[in-house]
Amino acid sequence: MARTDDDTWDLATSVGATATMVASGRARATRAGLIDDPFAEPLVRAVGVDFFTRWAAGELDSRDVDVPGAAWGMQRMTDMLAARTRYIDAFFAEAQQAGVDQVVILASGLDARGYRLRWADGTTVFEIDQPEVIAFKSTTIAELGATPTAELRNVSVDLRHDWPAALRRAGFDASRPAAWAAEGLLGFLPADAQDRLLDQVTELSADGSRLVAEVFHNTGVSGDALNAAGERWRENGLDVALDDLGFPGERNDVAAYLEERGWHPVRTPLNKLLGDNGLPLQSGDPDAPFGRNYYCTAVLGKPA
């Protein structure tokens, strides 16, 4: 079913299930020694989508669940997530070295950086997501006996609502620099919502703030590649619909949009990120699915 502006979901349905799929990829990458996220697999198990649980646990083989030679699949996703996780972890480490002690993770899903990264003393991590998602993750991780490694503040609000006000109520100080993460988010927003989110982040950001974003440059994120992969996954027991989750159509380029608003962006193409991590590259065809995706970090320097 196509997305709508007022649709709903949980961690086992629609776009919410992508958070579980991503966590299963992080769990698989952890098993391969590519990253270290000990919370990913328990969170996936707790959601209870059997296909993702078996992928996270190493019980499925990519040769069985992926189309040979296809542009997308569970193994392709896992490789990308390993590289993406390292990239964003490094972004936060650099922000800390620059003295930034406010962190905001937008649409945090099953991200566990508030528990697994080493944060400098005095760092506050704000996680924004829907109330049910925040409650599920907090409860599940607490049951594992884990505690946050920073001052973790949950901001339980849908990004389609007045999240800036909720963030301020949670103690966010817009007069001080912050490090923002929009991981796996922008491509699932309508074009106007993407712009609005970036405008809101800019308005809340003091000079020296930093942003990291994953940019889906091709039209839509569901496309033929994801649909074809999803068919193979369904044959192997996945009962979650993962097609038509994006909002296809023209949208502003994120790096250019940020630059016009005082940010200084640096683009890293997906294949450079994969290559830098010794992982298989995507197709070199710029029109191939995900072929023009890139990652962007930016530092804000507002004009006087």
C-alpha atoms as a PDB file:
ATOM      1  CA  MET A   1       0.000   0.000   0.000  1.00  0.00           C
ATOM      2  CA  ALA A   2       1.323   3.455  -0.922  1.00  0.00           C
ATOM      3  CA  ARG A   3       2.292   5.824   1.881  1.00  0.00           C
ATOM      4  CA  THR A   4       0.080   8.708   2.991  1.00  0.00           C
ATOM      5  CA  ASP A   5       0.872  11.794   5.053  1.00  0.00           C
ATOM      6  CA  ASP A   6      -1.101  10.507   8.059  1.00  0.00           C
ATOM      7  CA  ASP A   7      -0.341   6.776   7.945  1.00  0.00           C
ATOM      8  CA  THR A   8       0.544   4.742  11.025  1.00  0.00           C
ATOM      9  CA  TRP A   9       2.885   1.833  11.711  1.00  0.00           C
ATOM     10  CA  ASP A  10       4.833  -0.076  14.350  1.00  0.00           C
ATOM     11  CA  LEU A  11       8.172  -1.890  14.309  1.00  0.00           C
ATOM     12  CA  ALA A  12       6.680  -4.887  12.503  1.00  0.00           C
ATOM     13  CA  THR A  13       4.686  -3.069   9.812  1.00  0.00           C
ATOM     14  CA  SER A  14       5.121  -0.630   6.923  1.00  0.00           C
ATOM     15  CA  VAL A  15       7.988   1.853   7.173  1.00  0.00           C
ATOM     16  CA  GLY A  16       8.407   1.000  10.864  1.00  0.00           C
ATOM     17  CA  ALA A  17       9.600  -2.476   9.896  1.00  0.00           C
ATOM     18  CA  THR A  18      12.567  -0.920   8.093  1.00  0.00           C
ATOM     19  CA  ALA A  19      13.968  -0.048  11.541  1.00  0.00           C
ATOM     20  CA  THR A  20      13.827  -3.733  12.410  1.00  0.00           C
ATOM     21  CA  MET A  21      15.340  -4.701   9.058  1.00  0.00           C
ATOM     22  CA  VAL A  22      18.170  -2.227   9.614  1.00  0.00           C
ATOM     23  CA  ALA A  23      18.784  -3.573  13.116  1.00  0.00           C
ATOM     24  CA  SER A  24      18.932  -7.104  11.684  1.00  0.00           C
ATOM     25  CA  GLY A  25      21.612  -5.892   9.287  1.00  0.00           C
ATOM     26  CA  ARG A  26      23.578  -4.358  12.138  1.00  0.00           C
ATOM     27  CA  ALA A  27      23.265  -7.619  14.058  1.00  0.00           C
ATOM     28  CA  ARG A  28      24.542  -9.569  11.052  1.00  0.00           C
ATOM     29  CA  ALA A  29      27.426  -7.108  10.591  1.00  0.00           C
ATOM     30  CA  THR A  30      28.250  -7.499  14.280  1.00  0.00           C
ATOM     31  CA  ARG A  31      28.385 -11.276  13.860  1.00  0.00           C
ATOM     32  CA  ALA A  32      30.810 -10.733  10.965  1.00  0.00           C
ATOM     33  CA  GLY A  33      33.052  -8.550  13.137  1.00  0.00           C
ATOM     34  CA  LEU A  34      32.454  -5.459  10.994  1.00  0.00           C
ATOM     35  CA  ILE A  35      30.850  -3.370  13.745  1.00  0.00           C
ATOM     36  CA  ASP A  36      30.014  -3.806  17.422  1.00  0.00           C
ATOM     37  CA  ASP A  37      26.324  -3.439  18.251  1.00  0.00           C
ATOM     38  CA  PRO A  38      25.428  -5.965  20.956  1.00  0.00           C
ATOM     39  CA  PHE A  39      21.891  -4.590  21.241  1.00  0.00           C
ATOM     40  CA  ALA A  40      20.830  -5.089  17.634  1.00  0.00           C
ATOM     41  CA  GLU A  41      20.044  -8.807  17.757  1.00  0.00           C
ATOM     42  CA  PRO A  42      18.112  -8.748  21.072  1.00  0.00           C
ATOM     43  CA  LEU A  43      16.018  -5.843  19.801  1.00  0.00           C
ATOM     44  CA  VAL A  44      15.214  -7.683  16.571  1.00  0.00           C
ATOM     45  CA  ARG A  45      14.264 -10.810  18.485  1.00  0.00           C
ATOM     46  CA  ALA A  46      11.968  -8.761  20.706  1.00  0.00           C
ATOM     47  CA  VAL A  47      10.120  -7.302  17.711  1.00  0.00           C
ATOM     48  CA  GLY A  48       9.393 -10.834  16.571  1.00  0.00           C
ATOM     49  CA  VAL A  49       9.517 -10.704  12.757  1.00  0.00           C
ATOM     50  CA  ASP A  50      10.835 -14.223  12.119  1.00  0.00           C
ATOM     51  CA  PHE A  51      12.623 -13.493   8.831  1.00  0.00           C
ATOM     52  CA  PHE A  52      14.613 -10.621  10.327  1.00  0.00           C
ATOM     53  CA  THR A  53      15.328 -12.618  13.476  1.00  0.00           C
ATOM     54  CA  ARG A  54      16.770 -15.471  11.424  1.00  0.00           C
ATOM     55  CA  TRP A  55      18.887 -13.052   9.361  1.00  0.00           C
ATOM     56  CA  ALA A  56      20.188 -11.370  12.512  1.00  0.00           C
ATOM     57  CA  ALA A  57      21.028 -14.749  14.045  1.00  0.00           C
ATOM     58  CA  GLY A  58      22.936 -15.964  10.985  1.00  0.00           C
ATOM     59  CA  GLU A  59      20.389 -18.681  10.239  1.00  0.00           C
ATOM     60  CA  LEU A  60      19.712 -17.518   6.677  1.00  0.00           C
ATOM     61  CA  ASP A  61      22.222 -17.587   3.837  1.00  0.00           C
ATOM     62  CA  SER A  62      22.347 -14.701   1.385  1.00  0.00           C
ATOM     63  CA  ARG A  63      22.428 -17.205  -1.489  1.00  0.00           C
ATOM     64  CA  ASP A  64      18.972 -18.342  -0.446  1.00  0.00           C
ATOM     65  CA  VAL A  65      17.298 -14.986   0.219  1.00  0.00           C
ATOM     66  CA  ASP A  66      18.937 -12.684  -2.359  1.00  0.00           C
ATOM     67  CA  VAL A  67      18.617 -12.571  -6.130  1.00  0.00           C
ATOM     68  CA  PRO A  68      22.075 -13.433  -7.543  1.00  0.00           C
ATOM     69  CA  GLY A  69      23.807 -10.346  -8.913  1.00  0.00           C
ATOM     70  CA  ALA A  70      20.927  -8.056  -7.938  1.00  0.00           C
ATOM     71  CA  ALA A  71      21.495  -4.425  -6.987  1.00  0.00           C
ATOM     72  CA  TRP A  72      19.844  -4.926  -3.610  1.00  0.00           C
ATOM     73  CA  GLY A  73      19.364  -7.671  -1.061  1.00  0.00           C
ATOM     74  CA  MET A  74      19.948  -8.587   2.566  1.00  0.00           C
ATOM     75  CA  GLN A  75      23.701  -8.956   2.101  1.00  0.00           C
ATOM     76  CA  ARG A  76      23.949  -5.682   0.161  1.00  0.00           C
ATOM     77  CA  MET A  77      21.988  -4.007   2.948  1.00  0.00           C
ATOM     78  CA  THR A  78      24.233  -5.515   5.621  1.00  0.00           C
ATOM     79  CA  ASP A  79      27.378  -4.301   3.844  1.00  0.00           C
ATOM     80  CA  MET A  80      25.924  -0.821   3.504  1.00  0.00           C
ATOM     81  CA  LEU A  81      24.894  -0.741   7.149  1.00  0.00           C
ATOM     82  CA  ALA A  82      28.345  -1.795   8.309  1.00  0.00           C
ATOM     83  CA  ALA A  83      29.887   1.104   6.365  1.00  0.00           C
ATOM     84  CA  ARG A  84      27.133   3.533   7.366  1.00  0.00           C
ATOM     85  CA  THR A  85      27.420   2.642  11.050  1.00  0.00           C
ATOM     86  CA  ARG A  86      31.172   3.209  11.051  1.00  0.00           C
ATOM     87  CA  TYR A  87      30.715   6.509   9.228  1.00  0.00           C
ATOM     88  CA  ILE A  88      28.138   7.882  11.647  1.00  0.00           C
ATOM     89  CA  ASP A  89      30.003   6.608  14.702  1.00  0.00           C
ATOM     90  CA  ALA A  90      33.058   8.500  13.434  1.00  0.00           C
ATOM     91  CA  PHE A  91      30.916  11.610  12.882  1.00  0.00           C
ATOM     92  CA  PHE A  92      29.850  11.585  16.518  1.00  0.00           C
ATOM     93  CA  ALA A  93      33.409  11.004  17.701  1.00  0.00           C
ATOM     94  CA  GLU A  94      34.578  14.037  15.695  1.00  0.00           C
ATOM     95  CA  ALA A  95      31.730  16.138  17.067  1.00  0.00           C
ATOM     96  CA  GLN A  96      32.779  15.252  20.606  1.00  0.00           C
ATOM     97  CA  GLN A  97      36.367  16.167  19.835  1.00  0.00           C
ATOM     98  CA  ALA A  98      35.055  19.556  18.685  1.00  0.00           C
ATOM     99  CA  GLY A  99      33.369  20.009  22.057  1.00  0.00           C
ATOM    100  CA  VAL A 100      29.774  19.397  20.966  1.00  0.00           C
ATOM    101  CA  ASP A 101      27.893  17.876  23.893  1.00  0.00           C
ATOM    102  CA  GLN A 102      24.305  17.838  22.606  1.00  0.00           C
ATOM    103  CA  VAL A 103      23.341  14.979  20.279  1.00  0.00           C
ATOM    104  CA  VAL A 104      19.985  14.592  18.534  1.00  0.00           C
ATOM    105  CA  ILE A 105      19.066  11.355  16.758  1.00  0.00           C
ATOM    106  CA  LEU A 106      16.052  11.933  14.525  1.00  0.00           C
ATOM    107  CA  ALA A 107      13.687   8.973  14.039  1.00  0.00           C
ATOM    108  CA  SER A 108      15.997   6.938  16.260  1.00  0.00           C
ATOM    109  CA  GLY A 109      14.188   3.625  15.730  1.00  0.00           C
ATOM    110  CA  LEU A 110      16.256   0.762  17.157  1.00  0.00           C
ATOM    111  CA  ASP A 111      19.504   2.760  17.142  1.00  0.00           C
ATOM    112  CA  ALA A 112      21.435   2.028  20.351  1.00  0.00           C
ATOM    113  CA  ARG A 113      24.193   4.631  20.208  1.00  0.00           C
ATOM    114  CA  GLY A 114      23.006   6.046  23.508  1.00  0.00           C
ATOM    115  CA  TYR A 115      24.039   2.725  25.053  1.00  0.00           C
ATOM    116  CA  ARG A 116      26.966   1.429  23.015  1.00  0.00           C
ATOM    117  CA  LEU A 117      29.143   4.475  22.215  1.00  0.00           C
ATOM    118  CA  ARG A 118      31.572   6.069  24.616  1.00  0.00           C
ATOM    119  CA  TRP A 119      30.338   9.604  25.173  1.00  0.00           C
ATOM    120  CA  ALA A 120      32.304  12.409  26.769  1.00  0.00           C
ATOM    121  CA  ASP A 121      31.279  13.426  30.272  1.00  0.00           C
ATOM    122  CA  GLY A 122      28.424  15.894  30.162  1.00  0.00           C
ATOM    123  CA  THR A 123      27.011  14.713  26.831  1.00  0.00           C
ATOM    124  CA  THR A 124      23.238  14.615  26.450  1.00  0.00           C
ATOM    125  CA  VAL A 125      21.726  12.365  23.780  1.00  0.00           C
ATOM    126  CA  PHE A 126      18.177  13.172  22.674  1.00  0.00           C
ATOM    127  CA  GLU A 127      16.350  10.383  20.839  1.00  0.00           C
ATOM    128  CA  ILE A 128      13.264  11.403  18.865  1.00  0.00           C
ATOM    129  CA  ASP A 129      10.713   8.872  17.662  1.00  0.00           C
ATOM    130  CA  GLN A 130       7.115   7.822  18.073  1.00  0.00           C
ATOM    131  CA  PRO A 131       6.139   7.062  21.682  1.00  0.00           C
ATOM    132  CA  GLU A 132       5.580   3.336  21.053  1.00  0.00           C
ATOM    133  CA  VAL A 133       9.005   2.938  19.455  1.00  0.00           C
ATOM    134  CA  ILE A 134      10.795   4.796  22.246  1.00  0.00           C
ATOM    135  CA  ALA A 135       8.969   2.787  24.927  1.00  0.00           C
ATOM    136  CA  PHE A 136       9.681  -0.545  23.230  1.00  0.00           C
ATOM    137  CA  LYS A 137      13.407   0.094  22.828  1.00  0.00           C
ATOM    138  CA  SER A 138      13.871   1.539  26.317  1.00  0.00           C
ATOM    139  CA  THR A 139      12.075  -1.366  27.952  1.00  0.00           C
ATOM    140  CA  THR A 140      13.845  -4.033  25.915  1.00  0.00           C
ATOM    141  CA  ILE A 141      17.318  -2.647  26.565  1.00  0.00           C
ATOM    142  CA  ALA A 142      16.584  -2.145  30.259  1.00  0.00           C
ATOM    143  CA  GLU A 143      15.598  -5.808  30.478  1.00  0.00           C
ATOM    144  CA  LEU A 144      19.092  -6.651  29.199  1.00  0.00           C
ATOM    145  CA  GLY A 145      20.521  -4.856  32.218  1.00  0.00           C
ATOM    146  CA  ALA A 146      22.121  -2.110  30.120  1.00  0.00           C
ATOM    147  CA  THR A 147      22.312   1.534  31.104  1.00  0.00           C
ATOM    148  CA  PRO A 148      22.938   4.562  28.876  1.00  0.00           C
ATOM    149  CA  THR A 149      26.495   5.765  28.383  1.00  0.00           C
ATOM    150  CA  ALA A 150      25.367   9.418  28.303  1.00  0.00           C
ATOM    151  CA  GLU A 151      22.509  11.458  29.696  1.00  0.00           C
ATOM    152  CA  LEU A 152      19.805   9.918  27.506  1.00  0.00           C
ATOM    153  CA  ARG A 153      16.574  11.844  27.068  1.00  0.00           C
ATOM    154  CA  ASN A 154      13.699  10.334  25.151  1.00  0.00           C
ATOM    155  CA  VAL A 155      11.589  12.707  23.078  1.00  0.00           C
ATOM    156  CA  SER A 156       8.457  10.737  22.321  1.00  0.00           C
ATOM    157  CA  VAL A 157       6.888  12.546  19.381  1.00  0.00           C
ATOM    158  CA  ASP A 158       6.072  11.911  15.725  1.00  0.00           C
ATOM    159  CA  LEU A 159       8.268  14.028  13.455  1.00  0.00           C
ATOM    160  CA  ARG A 160       5.094  15.109  11.649  1.00  0.00           C
ATOM    161  CA  HIS A 161       4.055  16.938  14.829  1.00  0.00           C
ATOM    162  CA  ASP A 162       5.739  19.776  16.749  1.00  0.00           C
ATOM    163  CA  TRP A 163       8.915  17.938  17.608  1.00  0.00           C
ATOM    164  CA  PRO A 164      11.040  21.119  18.031  1.00  0.00           C
ATOM    165  CA  ALA A 165       8.837  22.160  20.952  1.00  0.00           C
ATOM    166  CA  ALA A 166       9.061  18.671  22.466  1.00  0.00           C
ATOM    167  CA  LEU A 167      12.843  18.717  22.076  1.00  0.00           C
ATOM    168  CA  ARG A 168      13.095  22.053  23.872  1.00  0.00           C
ATOM    169  CA  ARG A 169      10.890  20.769  26.677  1.00  0.00           C
ATOM    170  CA  ALA A 170      13.305  17.851  27.080  1.00  0.00           C
ATOM    171  CA  GLY A 171      16.090  20.334  27.787  1.00  0.00           C
ATOM    172  CA  PHE A 172      17.628  20.980  24.371  1.00  0.00           C
ATOM    173  CA  ASP A 173      19.484  24.312  24.304  1.00  0.00           C
ATOM    174  CA  ALA A 174      19.335  25.927  20.863  1.00  0.00           C
ATOM    175  CA  SER A 175      21.955  28.488  21.876  1.00  0.00           C
ATOM    176  CA  ARG A 176      24.634  25.762  22.004  1.00  0.00           C
ATOM    177  CA  PRO A 177      25.971  23.601  19.151  1.00  0.00           C
ATOM    178  CA  ALA A 178      24.440  20.186  18.553  1.00  0.00           C
ATOM    179  CA  ALA A 179      25.262  17.111  16.500  1.00  0.00           C
ATOM    180  CA  TRP A 180      22.272  15.868  14.488  1.00  0.00           C
ATOM    181  CA  ALA A 181      21.756  12.516  12.764  1.00  0.00           C
ATOM    182  CA  ALA A 182      19.192  11.817  10.045  1.00  0.00           C
ATOM    183  CA  GLU A 183      20.073   8.195   9.303  1.00  0.00           C
ATOM    184  CA  GLY A 184      17.820   6.264   6.940  1.00  0.00           C
ATOM    185  CA  LEU A 185      15.166   8.955   7.265  1.00  0.00           C
ATOM    186  CA  LEU A 186      15.027  11.573   4.515  1.00  0.00           C
ATOM    187  CA  GLY A 187      14.093   9.224   1.678  1.00  0.00           C
ATOM    188  CA  PHE A 188      11.004   8.142   3.613  1.00  0.00           C
ATOM    189  CA  LEU A 189       9.713  11.712   3.867  1.00  0.00           C
ATOM    190  CA  PRO A 190       7.698  13.612   1.258  1.00  0.00           C
ATOM    191  CA  ALA A 191       9.770  16.256  -0.535  1.00  0.00           C
ATOM    192  CA  ASP A 192       8.210  19.157   1.349  1.00  0.00           C
ATOM    193  CA  ALA A 193       8.622  17.350   4.688  1.00  0.00           C
ATOM    194  CA  GLN A 194      12.327  16.820   3.946  1.00  0.00           C
ATOM    195  CA  ASP A 195      12.773  20.556   3.399  1.00  0.00           C
ATOM    196  CA  ARG A 196      10.741  21.389   6.486  1.00  0.00           C
ATOM    197  CA  LEU A 197      12.826  19.056   8.640  1.00  0.00           C
ATOM    198  CA  LEU A 198      16.091  20.566   7.409  1.00  0.00           C
ATOM    199  CA  ASP A 199      14.703  24.060   8.027  1.00  0.00           C
ATOM    200  CA  GLN A 200      13.708  23.095  11.572  1.00  0.00           C
ATOM    201  CA  VAL A 201      17.136  21.606  12.272  1.00  0.00           C
ATOM    202  CA  THR A 202      18.779  24.781  10.961  1.00  0.00           C
ATOM    203  CA  GLU A 203      16.553  26.996  13.093  1.00  0.00           C
ATOM    204  CA  LEU A 204      17.459  24.998  16.206  1.00  0.00           C
ATOM    205  CA  SER A 205      21.194  24.937  15.462  1.00  0.00           C
ATOM    206  CA  ALA A 206      23.820  27.306  16.809  1.00  0.00           C
ATOM    207  CA  ASP A 207      27.002  28.015  14.910  1.00  0.00           C
ATOM    208  CA  GLY A 208      29.316  25.022  15.030  1.00  0.00           C
ATOM    209  CA  SER A 209      26.465  22.531  14.944  1.00  0.00           C
ATOM    210  CA  ARG A 210      26.974  19.415  12.842  1.00  0.00           C
ATOM    211  CA  LEU A 211      24.651  17.237  10.804  1.00  0.00           C
ATOM    212  CA  VAL A 212      25.018  13.808   9.240  1.00  0.00           C
ATOM    213  CA  ALA A 213      22.447  12.560   6.749  1.00  0.00           C
ATOM    214  CA  GLU A 214      21.960   9.657   4.394  1.00  0.00           C
ATOM    215  CA  VAL A 215      20.728  11.001   1.056  1.00  0.00           C
ATOM    216  CA  PHE A 216      18.604   8.939  -1.302  1.00  0.00           C
ATOM    217  CA  HIS A 217      19.288  10.810  -4.514  1.00  0.00           C
ATOM    218  CA  ASN A 218      17.376   8.469  -6.831  1.00  0.00           C
ATOM    219  CA  THR A 219      13.623   8.855  -7.097  1.00  0.00           C
ATOM    220  CA  GLY A 220      12.106   7.013  -4.166  1.00  0.00           C
ATOM    221  CA  VAL A 221      13.652   4.377  -1.956  1.00  0.00           C
ATOM    222  CA  SER A 222      11.325   1.509  -2.736  1.00  0.00           C
ATOM    223  CA  GLY A 223      11.953   1.246  -6.504  1.00  0.00           C
ATOM    224  CA  ASP A 224      12.271  -1.858  -8.634  1.00  0.00           C
ATOM    225  CA  ALA A 225      15.362  -3.106  -6.799  1.00  0.00           C
ATOM    226  CA  LEU A 226      13.731  -3.161  -3.375  1.00  0.00           C
ATOM    227  CA  ASN A 227      10.512  -4.596  -4.777  1.00  0.00           C
ATOM    228  CA  ALA A 228      12.358  -7.427  -6.530  1.00  0.00           C
ATOM    229  CA  ALA A 229      14.374  -8.162  -3.408  1.00  0.00           C
ATOM    230  CA  GLY A 230      11.204  -8.091  -1.323  1.00  0.00           C
ATOM    231  CA  GLU A 231       9.604 -10.730  -3.521  1.00  0.00           C
ATOM    232  CA  ARG A 232      12.513 -13.087  -2.847  1.00  0.00           C
ATOM    233  CA  TRP A 233      12.296 -12.358   0.870  1.00  0.00           C
ATOM    234  CA  ARG A 234       8.585 -13.141   0.890  1.00  0.00           C
ATOM    235  CA  GLU A 235       9.366 -16.489  -0.697  1.00  0.00           C
ATOM    236  CA  ASN A 236      11.553 -17.124   2.348  1.00  0.00           C
ATOM    237  CA  GLY A 237       8.889 -16.250   4.893  1.00  0.00           C
ATOM    238  CA  LEU A 238       8.882 -12.461   5.253  1.00  0.00           C
ATOM    239  CA  ASP A 239       5.270 -11.411   5.812  1.00  0.00           C
ATOM    240  CA  VAL A 240       5.866  -7.636   5.966  1.00  0.00           C
ATOM    241  CA  ALA A 241       5.121  -5.424   2.953  1.00  0.00           C
ATOM    242  CA  LEU A 242       8.221  -3.351   2.222  1.00  0.00           C
ATOM    243  CA  ASP A 243       7.291  -1.950  -1.175  1.00  0.00           C
ATOM    244  CA  ASP A 244       6.032   1.567  -1.900  1.00  0.00           C
ATOM    245  CA  LEU A 245       7.443   2.957   1.341  1.00  0.00           C
ATOM    246  CA  GLY A 246       9.010   6.085  -0.095  1.00  0.00           C
ATOM    247  CA  PHE A 247       7.608   9.207  -1.710  1.00  0.00           C
ATOM    248  CA  PRO A 248       8.873   9.186  -5.308  1.00  0.00           C
ATOM    249  CA  GLY A 249       9.371  12.358  -7.298  1.00  0.00           C
ATOM    250  CA  GLU A 250      11.694  15.299  -7.532  1.00  0.00           C
ATOM    251  CA  ARG A 251      13.086  16.748  -4.339  1.00  0.00           C
ATOM    252  CA  ASN A 252      15.755  19.239  -3.372  1.00  0.00           C
ATOM    253  CA  ASP A 253      19.297  17.959  -3.155  1.00  0.00           C
ATOM    254  CA  VAL A 254      20.153  17.840   0.534  1.00  0.00           C
ATOM    255  CA  ALA A 255      23.740  19.100   0.374  1.00  0.00           C
ATOM    256  CA  ALA A 256      22.805  22.009  -1.892  1.00  0.00           C
ATOM    257  CA  TYR A 257      19.792  22.862   0.268  1.00  0.00           C
ATOM    258  CA  LEU A 258      21.943  22.919   3.396  1.00  0.00           C
ATOM    259  CA  GLU A 259      24.636  25.020   1.756  1.00  0.00           C
ATOM    260  CA  GLU A 260      22.061  27.678   0.849  1.00  0.00           C
ATOM    261  CA  ARG A 261      21.199  27.874   4.554  1.00  0.00           C
ATOM    262  CA  GLY A 262      24.683  28.415   5.913  1.00  0.00           C
ATOM    263  CA  TRP A 263      25.907  24.839   6.281  1.00  0.00           C
ATOM    264  CA  HIS A 264      29.199  23.633   4.827  1.00  0.00           C
ATOM    265  CA  PRO A 265      28.495  20.130   3.500  1.00  0.00           C
ATOM    266  CA  VAL A 266      30.847  17.359   2.449  1.00  0.00           C
ATOM    267  CA  ARG A 267      29.470  14.567   0.256  1.00  0.00           C
ATOM    268  CA  THR A 268      30.666  10.976   0.398  1.00  0.00           C
ATOM    269  CA  PRO A 269      29.254   8.749  -2.381  1.00  0.00           C
ATOM    270  CA  LEU A 270      27.962   5.362  -1.312  1.00  0.00           C
ATOM    271  CA  ASN A 271      30.614   3.510  -3.309  1.00  0.00           C
ATOM    272  CA  LYS A 272      33.429   5.520  -1.724  1.00  0.00           C
ATOM    273  CA  LEU A 273      32.063   4.625   1.682  1.00  0.00           C
ATOM    274  CA  LEU A 274      31.871   0.942   0.730  1.00  0.00           C
ATOM    275  CA  GLY A 275      35.320   0.971  -0.862  1.00  0.00           C
ATOM    276  CA  ASP A 276      36.915   2.715   2.118  1.00  0.00           C
ATOM    277  CA  ASN A 277      35.600  -0.132   4.272  1.00  0.00           C
ATOM    278  CA  GLY A 278      36.747  -2.902   1.920  1.00  0.00           C
ATOM    279  CA  LEU A 279      33.182  -3.887   1.025  1.00  0.00           C
ATOM    280  CA  PRO A 280      31.730  -4.795  -2.408  1.00  0.00           C
ATOM    281  CA  LEU A 281      30.703  -1.815  -4.509  1.00  0.00           C
ATOM    282  CA  GLN A 282      27.299  -1.078  -5.973  1.00  0.00           C
ATOM    283  CA  SER A 283      26.833  -0.872  -9.738  1.00  0.00           C
ATOM    284  CA  GLY A 284      28.784   1.977 -11.289  1.00  0.00           C
ATOM    285  CA  ASP A 285      25.758   2.980 -13.355  1.00  0.00           C
ATOM    286  CA  PRO A 286      24.548   6.315 -11.901  1.00  0.00           C
ATOM    287  CA  ASP A 287      20.984   5.427 -12.884  1.00  0.00           C
ATOM    288  CA  ALA A 288      21.068   2.079 -11.093  1.00  0.00           C
ATOM    289  CA  PRO A 289      19.046   1.809  -7.871  1.00  0.00           C
ATOM    290  CA  PHE A 290      20.971   3.477  -5.041  1.00  0.00           C
ATOM    291  CA  GLY A 291      23.746   4.312  -7.542  1.00  0.00           C
ATOM    292  CA  ARG A 292      23.659   8.029  -6.748  1.00  0.00           C
ATOM    293  CA  ASN A 293      23.075   7.749  -3.011  1.00  0.00           C
ATOM    294  CA  TYR A 294      25.517   9.652  -0.887  1.00  0.00           C
ATOM    295  CA  TYR A 295      26.250  10.520   2.710  1.00  0.00           C
ATOM    296  CA  CYS A 296      26.595  14.073   3.870  1.00  0.00           C
ATOM    297  CA  THR A 297      28.195  15.716   6.863  1.00  0.00           C
ATOM    298  CA  ALA A 298      27.857  19.440   7.360  1.00  0.00           C
ATOM    299  CA  VAL A 299      28.988  22.107   9.820  1.00  0.00           C
ATOM    300  CA  LEU A 300      26.876  25.208  10.342  1.00  0.00           C
ATOM    301  CA  GLY A 301      28.414  28.637   9.989  1.00  0.00           C
ATOM    302  CA  LYS A 302      25.558  31.099   9.856  1.00  0.00           C
ATOM    303  CA  PRO A 303      26.282  34.455   8.172  1.00  0.00           C
ATOM    304  CA  ALA A 304      26.777  37.389  10.527  1.00  0.00           C
END
